[in-house]
Amino acid sequence: MTTSERRGYQQICGQNGMMMVVACDQRGGMRKVLADTPDAQARIDEATLGVVKAGVVRNLANKASCVLLDAVCAVPGVVDQGVLGRDTGLLVGLDASGWGTDAAGYRISQLVPGVDARRVRALGGTGAKLMVYLRPDRPEANAVNLGIIRDCIADFGAEDLLLVVEILTYQLEGESDDDYRAAFPGLIVESARIAVGLGAKVLKLPYPGTPEACAAISDICGSVPWAVLSAGVDHATFIGQVETAMQNGASGVIAGRALWKDCISLDAEIQRDRLETIASARLREIQGVLDRYAGRA
C-alpha cells in the first residue's frame, strides 16, 4: 500500500488492527428484508431506504471501526446530517444493485454511474468497495468483470485512495447444488488469486467453506489483508466462520445482514431498539473474536 492507502486502511480498522466494517450498502437486499412482497418492496423509495440506513449507522455502525454505504441513498446524507460518527471510517460502494448477463448467461457486474475515485473523495469517503462476480473455472465468463477490476484499481491508484475489492461467485444455470457446493472453496481461492494478481490491496471475500481454503487464501494474499463477509447467514453460523477465518489468516470482518437482517424496520422505534440490543450484542461478540488476534496485523 501507499502511505495514503495505508492511512485509509488504518481508519477502517479498530484499535486491534482488524477490520470491523458494518456493511449496509445493499439496496435490493435491504428492501427484501423490509417488505414481504415485490409490490411492497417497490414502494420503498430511496429516501425511505436512506432513513433506514441512517438508523443503522446511528445505532450500530458508529460502534464499529467503519461503515460501508452506497452513494445512491445513504451518502452524503449521513455525513451532512451529522449521523456518521467522527471516528467511524466510511467506505463507499461502487457497485450498482443487481447484475447484468451476457449472451451466454454469465453475470456482468454493474457500477453506479458517476461514482469514481474522485467522487468518493468528494463524498468524504475513507475509501471505496468494488464488488464483481467471477467464475475462475470459466475464463470466458470473466473478461468484462476483470476489466472493471483493472479500471477501478487504476482509477483509485491515480487518486491514491484505498479500494477494497470484493469477489463473489455464483451458480451457473444447469449446475447442480452438489457440484456448486463442491466447487465453491476452490472458486473463492482462485478468485482471490486473480484479484491479488490484478493489484488489489484489500479483499472482501465470502467464507470459503473450510479452514484449509482460508489458509490457502492467506498464503495467496501474503501482505494483502482480507476480510470475511457474512453472505446473509445467521449470526451463530457467522461467528464460527469468523473464528475459523481469523485462525487461518484473515484480517477482519465486513458484515451486513448477519448483524441487522432481523433488526431493521420501517418503524424507527422498533429498529432502534433491535439495533441497540440484538445487533449491537452481535457486533460486540464479533469484536471479541477479533480482539483475540490483536497485534497480528
Protein backbone atom coordinates (compact mmCIF):
# COMPACT_ATOMS: atom_id res chain seq x y z
CA MET A 1 0.00 0.00 0.00
CA THR A 2 1.00 3.61 -0.47
CA THR A 3 1.16 5.85 2.58
CA SER A 4 -2.27 7.27 1.74
CA GLU A 5 -3.81 3.83 1.23
CA ARG A 6 -2.25 2.56 4.44
CA ARG A 7 -3.70 5.51 6.34
CA GLY A 8 -7.10 4.71 4.87
CA TYR A 9 -6.71 1.08 5.87
CA GLN A 10 -5.82 2.09 9.43
CA GLN A 11 -9.03 4.12 9.57
CA ILE A 12 -11.26 1.19 8.61
CA CYS A 13 -9.63 -0.96 11.30
CA GLY A 14 -10.21 -0.81 15.02
CA GLN A 15 -7.55 -0.28 17.65
CA ASN A 16 -6.89 -4.01 17.50
CA GLY A 17 -5.68 -3.56 13.91
CA MET A 18 -8.52 -5.64 12.43
CA MET A 19 -11.25 -4.56 10.05
CA MET A 20 -14.69 -4.35 11.65
CA VAL A 21 -16.90 -2.88 8.95
CA VAL A 22 -20.70 -2.82 9.10
CA ALA A 23 -21.99 -3.27 5.55
CA CYS A 24 -25.24 -1.55 4.64
CA ASP A 25 -24.68 -0.60 1.03
CA GLN A 26 -27.37 -3.08 -0.08
CA ARG A 27 -30.50 -1.71 -1.75
CA GLY A 28 -32.46 -4.59 -3.26
CA GLY A 29 -31.45 -6.96 -0.48
CA MET A 30 -32.46 -4.48 2.19
CA ARG A 31 -35.84 -3.90 0.55
CA LYS A 32 -36.46 -7.66 0.65
CA VAL A 33 -35.81 -7.65 4.39
CA LEU A 34 -38.10 -4.68 4.97
CA ALA A 35 -41.10 -5.90 2.94
CA ASP A 36 -42.53 -9.31 2.01
CA THR A 37 -43.90 -8.73 -1.50
CA PRO A 38 -42.39 -7.28 -4.67
CA ASP A 39 -45.05 -4.54 -4.74
CA ALA A 40 -44.30 -3.51 -1.16
CA GLN A 41 -40.58 -3.58 -1.84
CA ALA A 42 -41.01 -1.36 -4.90
CA ARG A 43 -42.81 1.23 -2.76
CA ILE A 44 -39.72 1.68 -0.57
CA ASP A 45 -38.09 4.62 -2.30
CA GLU A 46 -34.51 5.79 -1.98
CA ALA A 47 -35.37 8.45 0.59
CA THR A 48 -37.03 5.88 2.85
CA LEU A 49 -34.13 3.50 2.45
CA GLY A 50 -31.79 6.35 3.32
CA VAL A 51 -33.63 6.88 6.61
CA VAL A 52 -33.32 3.18 7.45
CA LYS A 53 -29.60 3.22 6.67
CA ALA A 54 -29.09 6.35 8.77
CA GLY A 55 -30.62 4.48 11.67
CA VAL A 56 -28.23 1.57 11.13
CA VAL A 57 -25.32 4.00 11.21
CA ARG A 58 -26.56 5.83 14.30
CA ASN A 59 -27.50 2.79 16.38
CA LEU A 60 -25.00 0.17 15.18
CA ALA A 61 -22.24 1.14 12.75
CA ASN A 62 -20.92 4.03 14.85
CA LYS A 63 -19.87 1.35 17.36
CA ALA A 64 -17.66 -0.28 14.72
CA SER A 65 -14.46 0.95 13.11
CA CYS A 66 -16.10 1.59 9.73
CA VAL A 67 -19.35 1.51 7.77
CA LEU A 68 -19.88 0.57 4.13
CA LEU A 69 -22.60 2.65 2.47
CA ASP A 70 -23.87 3.42 -1.02
CA ALA A 71 -23.87 6.78 -2.76
CA VAL A 72 -27.40 6.23 -4.08
CA CYS A 73 -29.43 6.85 -0.94
CA ALA A 74 -27.05 6.96 2.05
CA VAL A 75 -24.08 9.21 1.24
CA PRO A 76 -23.58 12.14 1.56
CA GLY A 77 -26.68 12.34 3.75
CA VAL A 78 -25.24 10.58 6.80
CA VAL A 79 -22.21 12.87 6.64
CA ASP A 80 -24.03 16.15 6.01
CA GLN A 81 -26.64 15.42 8.69
CA GLY A 82 -24.02 14.56 11.30
CA VAL A 83 -25.17 10.95 11.69
CA LEU A 84 -21.83 9.29 10.95
CA GLY A 85 -19.51 9.36 13.94
CA ARG A 86 -16.27 11.32 13.58
CA ASP A 87 -14.22 8.23 14.48
CA THR A 88 -16.02 5.84 12.13
CA GLY A 89 -14.45 5.22 8.73
CA LEU A 90 -16.53 5.35 5.56
CA LEU A 91 -16.28 3.01 2.61
CA VAL A 92 -18.44 3.94 -0.37
CA GLY A 93 -19.84 1.11 -2.50
CA LEU A 94 -19.21 1.44 -6.23
CA ASP A 95 -21.44 -1.40 -7.42
CA ALA A 96 -25.00 -0.96 -8.64
CA SER A 97 -27.79 -3.14 -7.30
CA GLY A 98 -28.13 -6.43 -9.19
CA TRP A 99 -26.21 -7.55 -12.25
CA GLY A 100 -26.44 -7.88 -16.00
CA THR A 101 -25.91 -11.01 -18.08
CA ASP A 102 -24.11 -11.64 -21.35
CA ALA A 103 -25.37 -13.77 -24.23
CA ALA A 104 -24.06 -16.92 -22.56
CA GLY A 105 -25.81 -16.14 -19.26
CA TYR A 106 -22.69 -15.17 -17.31
CA ARG A 107 -23.07 -12.35 -14.80
CA ILE A 108 -21.79 -8.90 -15.66
CA SER A 109 -21.09 -6.61 -12.71
CA GLN A 110 -22.51 -3.09 -12.88
CA LEU A 111 -21.35 0.16 -11.29
CA VAL A 112 -23.25 3.20 -10.03
CA PRO A 113 -22.82 5.87 -12.73
CA GLY A 114 -20.57 8.76 -11.83
CA VAL A 115 -19.11 7.27 -8.65
CA ASP A 116 -15.37 7.07 -9.24
CA ALA A 117 -12.35 7.68 -7.00
CA ARG A 118 -12.61 11.45 -7.26
CA ARG A 119 -16.32 11.35 -6.37
CA VAL A 120 -15.66 9.05 -3.40
CA ARG A 121 -13.13 11.54 -2.09
CA ALA A 122 -15.64 14.37 -2.58
CA LEU A 123 -18.22 12.39 -0.59
CA GLY A 124 -15.84 12.19 2.36
CA GLY A 125 -15.03 8.54 1.86
CA THR A 126 -12.10 6.88 3.56
CA GLY A 127 -12.07 4.61 0.54
CA ALA A 128 -14.39 2.53 -1.59
CA LYS A 129 -15.56 -1.03 -2.15
CA LEU A 130 -15.90 -2.65 -5.56
CA MET A 131 -17.85 -5.91 -5.95
CA VAL A 132 -17.51 -8.12 -9.02
CA TYR A 133 -18.64 -11.63 -9.94
CA LEU A 134 -16.12 -14.22 -11.12
CA ARG A 135 -16.15 -17.85 -12.20
CA PRO A 136 -12.43 -18.65 -12.30
CA ASP A 137 -13.17 -22.06 -13.82
CA ARG A 138 -14.82 -20.40 -16.84
CA PRO A 139 -12.35 -17.88 -18.33
CA GLU A 140 -14.90 -16.85 -20.95
CA ALA A 141 -17.19 -15.64 -18.16
CA ASN A 142 -14.84 -13.04 -16.75
CA ALA A 143 -13.47 -10.70 -19.41
CA VAL A 144 -15.77 -7.75 -18.71
CA ASN A 145 -15.57 -8.10 -14.96
CA LEU A 146 -11.78 -8.40 -14.99
CA GLY A 147 -11.71 -5.18 -17.00
CA ILE A 148 -13.84 -3.50 -14.33
CA ILE A 149 -11.38 -4.57 -11.62
CA ARG A 150 -8.39 -3.33 -13.62
CA ASP A 151 -10.02 0.01 -14.42
CA CYS A 152 -11.10 0.67 -10.83
CA ILE A 153 -7.73 -0.29 -9.38
CA ALA A 154 -6.07 2.10 -11.85
CA ASP A 155 -8.53 4.90 -11.07
CA PHE A 156 -8.11 4.61 -7.31
CA GLY A 157 -4.37 4.24 -7.70
CA ALA A 158 -4.22 7.50 -9.64
CA GLU A 159 -6.23 9.21 -6.89
CA ASP A 160 -4.15 7.42 -4.19
CA LEU A 161 -7.30 6.28 -2.41
CA LEU A 162 -8.00 2.95 -0.70
CA LEU A 163 -10.04 0.42 -2.68
CA VAL A 164 -11.43 -2.80 -1.20
CA VAL A 165 -12.12 -5.43 -3.88
CA GLU A 166 -14.96 -7.85 -3.16
CA ILE A 167 -15.27 -11.03 -5.21
CA LEU A 168 -18.44 -13.11 -5.32
CA THR A 169 -19.03 -16.25 -7.31
CA TYR A 170 -22.31 -17.77 -8.45
CA GLN A 171 -24.03 -20.98 -9.50
CA LEU A 172 -24.29 -21.48 -13.25
CA GLU A 173 -27.51 -22.37 -14.99
CA GLY A 174 -27.75 -26.16 -15.05
CA GLU A 175 -25.08 -26.60 -12.37
CA SER A 176 -26.33 -28.85 -9.58
CA ASP A 177 -26.33 -27.72 -5.97
CA ASP A 178 -23.89 -30.51 -5.09
CA ASP A 179 -21.49 -29.61 -7.88
CA TYR A 180 -21.53 -25.93 -6.96
CA ARG A 181 -21.05 -26.70 -3.28
CA ALA A 182 -18.05 -28.89 -4.08
CA ALA A 183 -16.53 -26.26 -6.38
CA PHE A 184 -17.14 -23.30 -4.06
CA PRO A 185 -13.95 -23.34 -1.92
CA GLY A 186 -11.75 -23.56 -5.00
CA LEU A 187 -13.70 -20.81 -6.74
CA ILE A 188 -13.12 -18.42 -3.84
CA VAL A 189 -9.44 -19.34 -3.51
CA GLU A 190 -8.85 -18.81 -7.23
CA SER A 191 -10.85 -15.57 -7.19
CA ALA A 192 -8.51 -14.28 -4.50
CA ARG A 193 -5.54 -15.28 -6.65
CA ILE A 194 -6.96 -13.34 -9.62
CA ALA A 195 -7.72 -10.22 -7.57
CA VAL A 196 -4.27 -10.13 -5.98
CA GLY A 197 -2.71 -10.67 -9.38
CA LEU A 198 -4.59 -7.63 -10.69
CA GLY A 199 -3.18 -5.48 -7.89
CA ALA A 200 -5.93 -5.46 -5.25
CA LYS A 201 -4.68 -4.02 -1.94
CA VAL A 202 -7.51 -5.27 0.34
CA LEU A 203 -10.01 -8.09 -0.31
CA LYS A 204 -13.53 -8.82 0.87
CA LEU A 205 -14.44 -12.48 0.36
CA PRO A 206 -17.15 -14.98 1.28
CA TYR A 207 -16.23 -17.59 3.84
CA PRO A 208 -14.71 -20.23 1.53
CA GLY A 209 -16.12 -23.21 3.37
CA THR A 210 -13.11 -24.80 5.07
CA PRO A 211 -10.14 -23.87 7.26
CA GLU A 212 -7.84 -25.16 4.51
CA ALA A 213 -9.38 -22.79 1.96
CA CYS A 214 -8.98 -19.87 4.38
CA ALA A 215 -5.31 -20.75 4.83
CA ALA A 216 -4.84 -21.02 1.07
CA ILE A 217 -6.32 -17.55 0.61
CA SER A 218 -3.98 -16.15 3.25
CA ASP A 219 -1.00 -17.77 1.53
CA ILE A 220 -2.03 -16.23 -1.79
CA CYS A 221 -2.67 -12.82 -0.25
CA GLY A 222 0.61 -12.57 1.64
CA SER A 223 0.65 -8.99 2.93
CA VAL A 224 -2.72 -8.19 1.31
CA PRO A 225 -5.35 -8.21 4.09
CA TRP A 226 -8.67 -9.94 3.52
CA ALA A 227 -11.97 -9.67 5.36
CA VAL A 228 -14.69 -12.28 5.50
CA LEU A 229 -18.25 -11.25 4.59
CA SER A 230 -21.40 -12.69 6.11
CA ALA A 231 -23.45 -13.52 2.96
CA GLY A 232 -26.65 -13.31 4.99
CA VAL A 233 -26.07 -16.37 7.17
CA ASP A 234 -27.39 -16.32 10.73
CA HIS A 235 -25.18 -14.86 13.43
CA ALA A 236 -24.44 -18.18 15.15
CA THR A 237 -23.12 -19.59 11.87
CA PHE A 238 -21.19 -16.45 11.03
CA ILE A 239 -19.39 -16.17 14.35
CA GLY A 240 -17.99 -19.66 13.79
CA GLN A 241 -16.90 -18.70 10.29
CA VAL A 242 -15.19 -15.58 11.64
CA GLU A 243 -13.29 -17.63 14.22
CA THR A 244 -12.09 -20.08 11.58
CA ALA A 245 -11.15 -17.34 9.11
CA MET A 246 -9.20 -15.43 11.76
CA GLN A 247 -7.41 -18.58 12.90
CA ASN A 248 -6.26 -19.02 9.31
CA GLY A 249 -5.00 -15.57 8.47
CA ALA A 250 -7.96 -13.29 7.80
CA SER A 251 -7.69 -9.66 8.88
CA GLY A 252 -11.23 -8.86 9.90
CA VAL A 253 -14.89 -8.73 9.01
CA ILE A 254 -17.13 -6.80 6.65
CA ALA A 255 -20.61 -7.92 7.70
CA GLY A 256 -24.13 -6.78 6.95
CA ARG A 257 -27.18 -8.99 7.09
CA ALA A 258 -25.81 -11.33 9.76
CA LEU A 259 -25.81 -8.29 12.04
CA TRP A 260 -29.01 -6.46 11.10
CA LYS A 261 -31.31 -8.52 8.84
CA ASP A 262 -33.82 -9.24 11.63
CA CYS A 263 -33.36 -5.81 13.23
CA ILE A 264 -34.14 -3.23 10.55
CA SER A 265 -37.70 -1.98 10.21
CA LEU A 266 -39.73 0.81 8.65
CA ASP A 267 -40.84 1.54 12.22
CA ALA A 268 -37.99 3.71 13.53
CA GLU A 269 -38.61 2.89 17.21
CA ILE A 270 -38.65 -0.87 16.63
CA GLN A 271 -35.49 -0.63 14.54
CA ARG A 272 -33.68 1.49 17.12
CA ASP A 273 -34.48 -0.96 19.92
CA ARG A 274 -33.42 -4.01 17.93
CA LEU A 275 -30.19 -2.43 16.71
CA GLU A 276 -29.25 -1.23 20.20
CA THR A 277 -29.87 -4.63 21.74
CA ILE A 278 -29.75 -7.58 19.33
CA ALA A 279 -27.46 -6.24 16.58
CA SER A 280 -25.11 -4.42 18.96
CA ALA A 281 -24.66 -7.58 21.03
CA ARG A 282 -23.72 -9.45 17.86
CA LEU A 283 -21.25 -6.74 16.94
CA ARG A 284 -19.62 -6.96 20.38
CA GLU A 285 -19.30 -10.72 20.02
CA ILE A 286 -17.56 -10.38 16.66
CA GLN A 287 -15.29 -7.68 18.07
CA GLY A 288 -14.41 -10.05 20.89
CA VAL A 289 -13.20 -12.64 18.38
CA LEU A 290 -11.16 -10.02 16.54
CA ASP A 291 -9.63 -8.77 19.79
CA ARG A 292 -8.07 -12.17 20.35
CA TYR A 293 -5.95 -11.63 17.26
CA ALA A 294 -4.88 -8.08 18.12
CA GLY A 295 -1.33 -7.26 17.15
CA ARG A 296 -1.11 -9.86 14.41
CA ALA A 297 -1.78 -7.37 11.59
